[in-house]
Amino acid sequence: MPGVRLTHYFFDGEAAAIISDAGAGFTALPGDAAGLADAVSKMARLSPKQRDKMGQTGRDYFLRHFERESLFSKLEVVMSDEMNERAP
């Protein structure tokens, strides 16, 4: 299994947006039983190959956006830009 597929139902807002943007699972709003049932049903209808692809897509998204080296690189760019703006 290349990654973990998510049927994420306890999060909305930013967490749901990340899952959606990553193509890493399905979401439902907290307290939305029908939405949760729909998300679980969608996941169940996927083939194992589709679920594996979804898991890999989520892992790739994580590595691009949240992996330590990626975050340090982004922070370095932000700090460098900030220092250049403040330079006389």
Protein backbone atom coordinates (compact mmCIF):
# COMPACT_ATOMS: atom_id res chain seq x y z
CA MET A 1 0.00 0.00 0.00
CA PRO A 2 1.77 3.20 -1.16
CA GLY A 3 -0.16 5.56 1.09
CA VAL A 4 -3.19 5.83 3.31
CA ARG A 5 -6.51 6.71 1.72
CA LEU A 6 -8.70 8.89 3.85
CA THR A 7 -12.38 9.09 4.39
CA HIS A 8 -12.10 12.09 6.65
CA TYR A 9 -15.25 13.11 8.45
CA PHE A 10 -14.13 14.93 11.57
CA PHE A 11 -12.59 17.89 9.82
CA ASP A 12 -13.86 20.76 7.80
CA GLY A 13 -12.17 23.97 6.79
CA GLU A 14 -8.44 23.70 6.11
CA ALA A 15 -8.13 19.96 6.75
CA ALA A 16 -10.96 19.17 4.34
CA ALA A 17 -9.45 21.55 1.77
CA ILE A 18 -6.08 19.79 2.00
CA ILE A 19 -7.66 16.35 1.59
CA SER A 20 -9.68 17.61 -1.37
CA ASP A 21 -6.77 19.48 -2.99
CA ALA A 22 -4.56 16.43 -2.59
CA GLY A 23 -7.18 14.09 -4.02
CA ALA A 24 -6.42 11.95 -0.98
CA GLY A 25 -9.89 11.03 0.21
CA PHE A 26 -13.44 12.13 0.69
CA THR A 27 -14.75 14.49 3.35
CA ALA A 28 -18.00 15.14 5.16
CA LEU A 29 -18.83 17.88 7.59
CA PRO A 30 -18.84 17.05 11.30
CA GLY A 31 -22.24 15.76 12.34
CA ASP A 32 -23.30 15.05 8.75
CA ALA A 33 -24.24 11.36 8.93
CA ALA A 34 -25.55 11.32 5.36
CA GLY A 35 -22.34 12.96 4.12
CA LEU A 36 -20.25 10.42 6.01
CA ALA A 37 -22.28 7.56 4.56
CA ASP A 38 -21.80 9.02 1.09
CA ALA A 39 -18.02 9.37 1.59
CA VAL A 40 -17.71 5.79 2.85
CA SER A 41 -19.85 4.57 -0.04
CA LYS A 42 -17.67 6.42 -2.56
CA MET A 43 -14.55 4.86 -1.06
CA ALA A 44 -16.10 1.39 -1.10
CA ARG A 45 -16.98 1.72 -4.79
CA LEU A 46 -13.37 2.42 -5.76
CA SER A 47 -11.28 -0.45 -7.03
CA PRO A 48 -8.17 -1.43 -5.05
CA LYS A 49 -6.10 0.15 -7.83
CA GLN A 50 -8.02 3.43 -7.53
CA ARG A 51 -7.65 3.40 -3.74
CA ASP A 52 -3.91 2.76 -4.04
CA LYS A 53 -3.63 5.64 -6.53
CA MET A 54 -5.52 7.90 -4.13
CA GLY A 55 -3.14 6.90 -1.34
CA GLN A 56 -0.09 7.57 -3.50
CA THR A 57 -1.53 10.92 -4.57
CA GLY A 58 -1.98 11.88 -0.90
CA ARG A 59 1.58 10.82 -0.07
CA ASP A 60 2.97 12.79 -2.99
CA TYR A 61 1.01 15.85 -1.86
CA PHE A 62 2.41 15.48 1.65
CA LEU A 63 5.97 15.22 0.37
CA ARG A 64 5.55 18.33 -1.82
CA HIS A 65 3.87 20.49 0.81
CA PHE A 66 4.59 19.22 4.32
CA GLU A 67 7.76 17.15 4.34
CA ARG A 68 10.47 18.71 6.50
CA GLU A 69 12.93 19.57 3.71
CA SER A 70 10.14 21.06 1.60
CA LEU A 71 9.00 23.23 4.52
CA PHE A 72 12.57 24.34 5.28
CA SER A 73 13.07 25.31 1.63
CA LYS A 74 9.89 27.38 1.64
CA LEU A 75 10.85 29.01 4.94
CA GLU A 76 14.30 29.84 3.57
CA VAL A 77 12.74 31.58 0.55
CA VAL A 78 10.35 33.58 2.75
CA MET A 79 13.13 34.64 5.11
CA SER A 80 15.44 35.58 2.24
CA ASP A 81 12.71 37.63 0.58
CA GLU A 82 11.97 39.38 3.86
CA MET A 83 15.64 40.21 4.44
CA ASN A 84 16.02 41.52 0.89
CA GLU A 85 12.99 43.80 1.37
CA ARG A 86 14.50 45.23 4.56
CA ALA A 87 17.96 45.77 3.08
CA PRO A 88 18.86 49.45 2.57
